[in-house]
Amino acid sequence: EGLPFVAPAGKPGREAFHEGCRLVGARPSETIYVGDQLITDVLGPQRAGLRSILLRPRYSQEALSSKFQRVVAKGLQRLTR
């Protein structure tokens, strides 16, 4: 597709989000990141100064690491309610 990308991303670290913004010529404050993982796709971008949108996952199978992140995120949500 010829689209710029950052890999490995190292999410939820800030650096990849800042690099992604630089690649497309946008400031973090004017960028929205969309994803389906609370920790990597919401916490990460917000730490880097981006806005984020959390979507419901659209697939039936996922990596073990993603399943683990969802368990941790649910536990954190329960603790902060």
C-alpha atoms as a PDB file:
ATOM      1  CA  GLU A   1       0.000   0.000   0.000  1.00  0.00           C
ATOM      2  CA  GLY A   2       2.986   2.305   0.435  1.00  0.00           C
ATOM      3  CA  LEU A   3       1.779   3.596   3.800  1.00  0.00           C
ATOM      4  CA  PRO A   4       4.308   4.583   6.472  1.00  0.00           C
ATOM      5  CA  PHE A   5       4.492   2.436   9.576  1.00  0.00           C
ATOM      6  CA  VAL A   6       6.488   1.997  12.765  1.00  0.00           C
ATOM      7  CA  ALA A   7       7.713  -1.491  13.673  1.00  0.00           C
ATOM      8  CA  PRO A   8       8.336  -2.786  16.178  1.00  0.00           C
ATOM      9  CA  ALA A   9       5.989  -0.378  17.890  1.00  0.00           C
ATOM     10  CA  GLY A  10       6.816  -1.117  21.519  1.00  0.00           C
ATOM     11  CA  LYS A  11       3.361  -0.035  22.630  1.00  0.00           C
ATOM     12  CA  PRO A  12       2.357   1.384  25.077  1.00  0.00           C
ATOM     13  CA  GLY A  13       5.616   3.371  24.958  1.00  0.00           C
ATOM     14  CA  ARG A  14       5.409   6.960  23.688  1.00  0.00           C
ATOM     15  CA  GLU A  15       8.163   6.785  21.081  1.00  0.00           C
ATOM     16  CA  ALA A  16       6.296   4.851  18.381  1.00  0.00           C
ATOM     17  CA  PHE A  17       3.300   7.176  18.572  1.00  0.00           C
ATOM     18  CA  HIS A  18       5.545  10.226  18.239  1.00  0.00           C
ATOM     19  CA  GLU A  19       7.384   8.598  15.313  1.00  0.00           C
ATOM     20  CA  GLY A  20       4.072   7.771  13.615  1.00  0.00           C
ATOM     21  CA  CYS A  21       2.966  11.372  13.929  1.00  0.00           C
ATOM     22  CA  ARG A  22       6.285  12.552  12.511  1.00  0.00           C
ATOM     23  CA  LEU A  23       5.980  10.187   9.530  1.00  0.00           C
ATOM     24  CA  VAL A  24       2.615  11.637   8.513  1.00  0.00           C
ATOM     25  CA  GLY A  25       3.429  15.228   9.436  1.00  0.00           C
ATOM     26  CA  ALA A  26       0.951  15.582  12.308  1.00  0.00           C
ATOM     27  CA  ARG A  27       1.331  16.796  15.871  1.00  0.00           C
ATOM     28  CA  PRO A  28       0.241  14.413  18.632  1.00  0.00           C
ATOM     29  CA  SER A  29      -2.292  16.991  19.835  1.00  0.00           C
ATOM     30  CA  GLU A  30      -4.075  16.855  16.451  1.00  0.00           C
ATOM     31  CA  THR A  31      -3.956  13.053  16.072  1.00  0.00           C
ATOM     32  CA  ILE A  32      -6.462  10.336  16.995  1.00  0.00           C
ATOM     33  CA  TYR A  33      -5.396   6.711  17.435  1.00  0.00           C
ATOM     34  CA  VAL A  34      -8.031   4.000  16.998  1.00  0.00           C
ATOM     35  CA  GLY A  35      -7.633   0.505  18.410  1.00  0.00           C
ATOM     36  CA  ASP A  36      -9.209  -2.344  20.326  1.00  0.00           C
ATOM     37  CA  GLN A  37      -6.822  -2.824  23.279  1.00  0.00           C
ATOM     38  CA  LEU A  38      -7.218  -0.669  26.375  1.00  0.00           C
ATOM     39  CA  ILE A  39      -3.559  -0.735  27.420  1.00  0.00           C
ATOM     40  CA  THR A  40      -1.739  -0.521  24.082  1.00  0.00           C
ATOM     41  CA  ASP A  41      -4.305   1.402  22.023  1.00  0.00           C
ATOM     42  CA  VAL A  42      -5.739   3.825  24.597  1.00  0.00           C
ATOM     43  CA  LEU A  43      -3.196   4.225  27.402  1.00  0.00           C
ATOM     44  CA  GLY A  44      -0.219   4.338  25.014  1.00  0.00           C
ATOM     45  CA  PRO A  45      -1.499   7.102  22.732  1.00  0.00           C
ATOM     46  CA  GLN A  46      -2.810   9.153  25.641  1.00  0.00           C
ATOM     47  CA  ARG A  47       0.606   8.998  27.327  1.00  0.00           C
ATOM     48  CA  ALA A  48       2.068  10.348  24.057  1.00  0.00           C
ATOM     49  CA  GLY A  49      -0.405  13.250  23.872  1.00  0.00           C
ATOM     50  CA  LEU A  50      -2.788  11.745  21.301  1.00  0.00           C
ATOM     51  CA  ARG A  51      -6.504  11.218  21.638  1.00  0.00           C
ATOM     52  CA  SER A  52      -7.679   7.637  21.383  1.00  0.00           C
ATOM     53  CA  ILE A  53     -10.822   5.736  20.482  1.00  0.00           C
ATOM     54  CA  LEU A  54     -11.458   2.233  21.821  1.00  0.00           C
ATOM     55  CA  LEU A  55     -13.371  -0.100  19.495  1.00  0.00           C
ATOM     56  CA  ARG A  56     -14.905  -3.471  20.215  1.00  0.00           C
ATOM     57  CA  PRO A  57     -12.736  -6.266  18.678  1.00  0.00           C
ATOM     58  CA  ARG A  58     -14.104  -7.626  15.386  1.00  0.00           C
ATOM     59  CA  TYR A  59     -12.442 -11.031  15.299  1.00  0.00           C
ATOM     60  CA  SER A  60     -13.019 -14.370  16.967  1.00  0.00           C
ATOM     61  CA  GLN A  61      -9.397 -15.502  17.475  1.00  0.00           C
ATOM     62  CA  GLU A  62      -6.520 -13.475  18.858  1.00  0.00           C
ATOM     63  CA  ALA A  63      -2.973 -13.921  20.088  1.00  0.00           C
ATOM     64  CA  LEU A  64      -2.335 -15.118  23.626  1.00  0.00           C
ATOM     65  CA  SER A  65      -0.693 -11.776  24.454  1.00  0.00           C
ATOM     66  CA  SER A  66      -3.864  -9.940  23.417  1.00  0.00           C
ATOM     67  CA  LYS A  67      -6.000 -12.202  25.576  1.00  0.00           C
ATOM     68  CA  PHE A  68      -3.685 -11.528  28.519  1.00  0.00           C
ATOM     69  CA  GLN A  69      -3.906  -7.757  27.960  1.00  0.00           C
ATOM     70  CA  ARG A  70      -7.701  -7.930  27.976  1.00  0.00           C
ATOM     71  CA  VAL A  71      -7.683  -9.813  31.310  1.00  0.00           C
ATOM     72  CA  VAL A  72      -5.348  -7.207  32.838  1.00  0.00           C
ATOM     73  CA  ALA A  73      -7.440  -4.337  31.425  1.00  0.00           C
ATOM     74  CA  LYS A  74     -10.667  -5.795  32.853  1.00  0.00           C
ATOM     75  CA  GLY A  75      -9.019  -6.126  36.254  1.00  0.00           C
ATOM     76  CA  LEU A  76      -7.845  -2.516  36.120  1.00  0.00           C
ATOM     77  CA  GLN A  77     -11.319  -1.342  35.109  1.00  0.00           C
ATOM     78  CA  ARG A  78     -12.836  -3.146  38.101  1.00  0.00           C
ATOM     79  CA  LEU A  79     -10.312  -1.575  40.463  1.00  0.00           C
ATOM     80  CA  THR A  80     -10.942   1.957  39.209  1.00  0.00           C
ATOM     81  CA  ARG A  81     -14.749   1.861  39.289  1.00  0.00           C
END
